[in-house]
Amino acid sequence: MITAGRTAPNRAVRFGGARVALDPRGRRDVGELIGDVGDPTLLVCGPERHVAESATVLGGGSRIDERLRSLDVGAWDGLAPDDVAPADLGMWFTDPTSRPHGGETVAEFVRRIHSWRASGPLPDVVVVAKPVAQALLCTDTDAYFATEVRPATVYELATPIS
């Protein structure tokens, strides 16, 4: 699994960003991973613009899988954490079933991504947004925020989580 390259919202620490492009550093960092990818038979990616661009930088053909879309943060899309009411932000970080932004709960999101992972054989390479990588790597909902991922990084996906 490869996390997509950096975008301007990553640099500015903002929620969401499905429509944003890679920034120059993000494009360069993903390009440096080409040797780690080899020539995958099947490269699958999430639908976000920067994710699809990252897959393109890696070369070869890729297939977009809508099930790998990132966490829906509803009304918070494009906002910085400082733009969100502290009580709402605190609730979101401590209660995985809350949806103060009106989007998807963390619990729903992690279940959705774990369901994709359990649905069949994993592709040779999957390129995803950082929140999707967190969900793929965490063992359960409670571990989601404790799972750290970085842009343009290769992670090994082992046996599906049960």
Protein backbone atom coordinates (compact mmCIF):
# COMPACT_ATOMS: atom_id res chain seq x y z
CA MET A 1 0.00 0.00 0.00
CA ILE A 2 1.22 3.48 -0.83
CA THR A 3 -0.13 6.67 0.64
CA ALA A 4 -0.75 9.44 -1.87
CA GLY A 5 1.71 12.30 -2.12
CA ARG A 6 1.45 15.58 -0.28
CA THR A 7 -1.09 18.26 -1.20
CA ALA A 8 -1.48 21.89 -0.16
CA PRO A 9 -4.19 20.92 2.42
CA ASN A 10 -1.75 18.35 3.90
CA ARG A 11 0.81 21.09 4.29
CA ALA A 12 -1.78 23.47 5.78
CA VAL A 13 -3.37 20.74 7.99
CA ARG A 14 -6.95 20.84 6.70
CA PHE A 15 -9.78 18.31 6.64
CA GLY A 16 -10.82 16.65 3.39
CA GLY A 17 -9.43 17.57 0.03
CA ALA A 18 -10.89 15.11 -2.49
CA ARG A 19 -10.55 17.65 -5.30
CA VAL A 20 -7.02 18.87 -4.60
CA ALA A 21 -3.96 18.04 -6.67
CA LEU A 22 -0.53 16.88 -5.62
CA ASP A 23 1.84 19.72 -4.88
CA PRO A 24 5.32 19.66 -6.49
CA ARG A 25 6.91 17.98 -3.47
CA GLY A 26 4.14 15.38 -3.35
CA ARG A 27 4.69 14.55 -7.03
CA ARG A 28 8.47 14.26 -6.48
CA ASP A 29 8.10 12.12 -3.34
CA VAL A 30 5.76 9.67 -5.09
CA GLY A 31 8.14 9.52 -8.06
CA GLU A 32 10.91 8.40 -5.72
CA LEU A 33 8.83 5.30 -4.85
CA ILE A 34 8.77 3.94 -8.41
CA GLY A 35 11.65 1.55 -7.67
CA ASP A 36 9.74 0.18 -4.65
CA VAL A 37 6.66 -0.63 -6.73
CA GLY A 38 8.26 -2.54 -9.58
CA ASP A 39 5.82 -3.45 -12.33
CA PRO A 40 2.55 -4.32 -10.59
CA THR A 41 0.07 -6.52 -12.39
CA LEU A 42 -2.81 -4.76 -10.63
CA LEU A 43 -2.60 -1.23 -9.28
CA VAL A 44 -5.80 0.00 -7.61
CA CYS A 45 -6.37 3.47 -6.22
CA GLY A 46 -8.93 5.56 -4.41
CA PRO A 47 -10.99 8.15 -6.31
CA GLU A 48 -9.52 11.39 -4.91
CA ARG A 49 -7.64 13.56 -7.38
CA HIS A 50 -4.28 13.48 -5.55
CA VAL A 51 -4.59 9.70 -5.10
CA ALA A 52 -5.24 9.09 -8.81
CA GLU A 53 -2.38 11.47 -9.68
CA SER A 54 -0.08 9.53 -7.36
CA ALA A 55 -1.03 6.27 -9.10
CA THR A 56 -0.32 7.90 -12.47
CA VAL A 57 3.12 9.06 -11.30
CA LEU A 58 3.88 5.45 -10.32
CA GLY A 59 3.29 4.45 -13.95
CA GLY A 60 1.30 1.81 -15.69
CA GLY A 61 -2.44 1.53 -15.64
CA SER A 62 -4.52 1.83 -12.52
CA ARG A 63 -8.12 1.09 -11.68
CA ILE A 64 -10.09 3.44 -9.43
CA ASP A 65 -12.07 1.70 -6.70
CA GLU A 66 -14.76 3.99 -5.26
CA ARG A 67 -14.91 1.85 -2.12
CA LEU A 68 -11.49 3.29 -1.22
CA ARG A 69 -12.76 6.86 -0.95
CA SER A 70 -11.55 8.77 2.06
CA LEU A 71 -13.45 9.62 5.23
CA ASP A 72 -16.40 11.94 4.56
CA VAL A 73 -15.86 14.88 6.95
CA GLY A 74 -19.05 16.63 5.86
CA ALA A 75 -19.16 20.34 6.71
CA TRP A 76 -15.52 20.26 7.85
CA ASP A 77 -14.20 19.69 4.32
CA GLY A 78 -11.50 22.30 3.70
CA LEU A 79 -11.46 23.57 7.30
CA ALA A 80 -8.46 23.70 9.61
CA PRO A 81 -8.91 22.16 13.08
CA ASP A 82 -8.82 25.70 14.53
CA ASP A 83 -11.94 26.49 12.46
CA VAL A 84 -13.95 23.78 14.25
CA ALA A 85 -15.64 24.25 17.63
CA PRO A 86 -13.35 22.65 20.26
CA ALA A 87 -16.23 20.64 21.76
CA ASP A 88 -17.10 19.18 18.34
CA LEU A 89 -13.49 18.35 17.60
CA GLY A 90 -13.07 16.74 21.02
CA MET A 91 -16.22 14.66 20.55
CA TRP A 92 -15.02 13.45 17.14
CA PHE A 93 -11.61 12.39 18.46
CA THR A 94 -13.01 10.59 21.52
CA ASP A 95 -16.27 9.05 20.27
CA PRO A 96 -15.85 7.05 17.03
CA THR A 97 -19.65 6.93 16.61
CA SER A 98 -20.06 10.73 16.58
CA ARG A 99 -20.58 12.84 13.47
CA PRO A 100 -20.42 16.50 14.51
CA HIS A 101 -19.48 17.39 10.92
CA GLY A 102 -22.51 15.63 9.46
CA GLY A 103 -20.43 13.18 7.43
CA GLU A 104 -19.30 9.62 8.10
CA THR A 105 -18.43 8.42 11.60
CA VAL A 106 -14.95 7.03 12.18
CA ALA A 107 -16.57 3.71 13.14
CA GLU A 108 -18.52 3.54 9.84
CA PHE A 109 -15.43 4.51 7.87
CA VAL A 110 -13.15 1.90 9.46
CA ARG A 111 -15.82 -0.80 8.97
CA ARG A 112 -16.21 0.21 5.31
CA ILE A 113 -12.46 0.06 4.64
CA HIS A 114 -12.01 -3.20 6.56
CA SER A 115 -14.90 -4.65 4.54
CA TRP A 116 -13.07 -3.75 1.31
CA ARG A 117 -9.93 -5.40 2.62
CA ALA A 118 -11.80 -8.60 3.50
CA SER A 119 -13.73 -8.70 0.20
CA GLY A 120 -11.17 -10.58 -1.83
CA PRO A 121 -7.56 -10.84 -2.81
CA LEU A 122 -5.59 -7.63 -2.35
CA PRO A 123 -4.18 -5.94 -5.45
CA ASP A 124 -0.41 -5.91 -6.04
CA VAL A 125 -0.35 -2.21 -5.18
CA VAL A 126 -3.05 0.00 -3.72
CA VAL A 127 -2.67 3.80 -3.58
CA VAL A 128 -4.88 5.56 -1.05
CA ALA A 129 -5.41 8.79 0.85
CA LYS A 130 -3.87 8.98 4.32
CA PRO A 131 -7.16 8.39 6.22
CA VAL A 132 -7.77 5.23 4.18
CA ALA A 133 -4.24 4.03 4.97
CA GLN A 134 -4.90 4.63 8.67
CA ALA A 135 -8.06 2.54 8.45
CA LEU A 136 -6.29 -0.24 6.54
CA LEU A 137 -3.49 -0.40 9.09
CA CYS A 138 -5.49 -0.07 12.32
CA THR A 139 -6.75 -3.22 13.99
CA ASP A 140 -10.05 -1.65 15.08
CA THR A 141 -11.86 1.66 15.39
CA ASP A 142 -10.25 2.48 18.74
CA ALA A 143 -6.79 2.30 17.13
CA TYR A 144 -7.64 4.58 14.19
CA PHE A 145 -6.31 7.87 15.59
CA ALA A 146 -3.28 6.11 17.11
CA THR A 147 -2.23 4.82 13.69
CA GLU A 148 0.23 7.22 12.11
CA VAL A 149 0.85 7.38 8.38
CA ARG A 150 2.88 9.71 6.18
CA PRO A 151 2.37 10.90 2.60
CA ALA A 152 4.19 9.05 -0.18
CA THR A 153 5.14 6.08 1.95
CA VAL A 154 5.03 2.32 1.28
CA TYR A 155 3.29 0.13 3.88
CA GLU A 156 2.92 -3.64 3.87
CA LEU A 157 -0.62 -5.01 4.13
CA ALA A 158 -0.55 -8.41 5.73
CA THR A 159 -3.38 -10.90 6.14
CA PRO A 160 -6.82 -9.25 6.27
CA ILE A 161 -8.03 -8.14 9.67
CA SER A 162 -10.74 -10.42 11.01
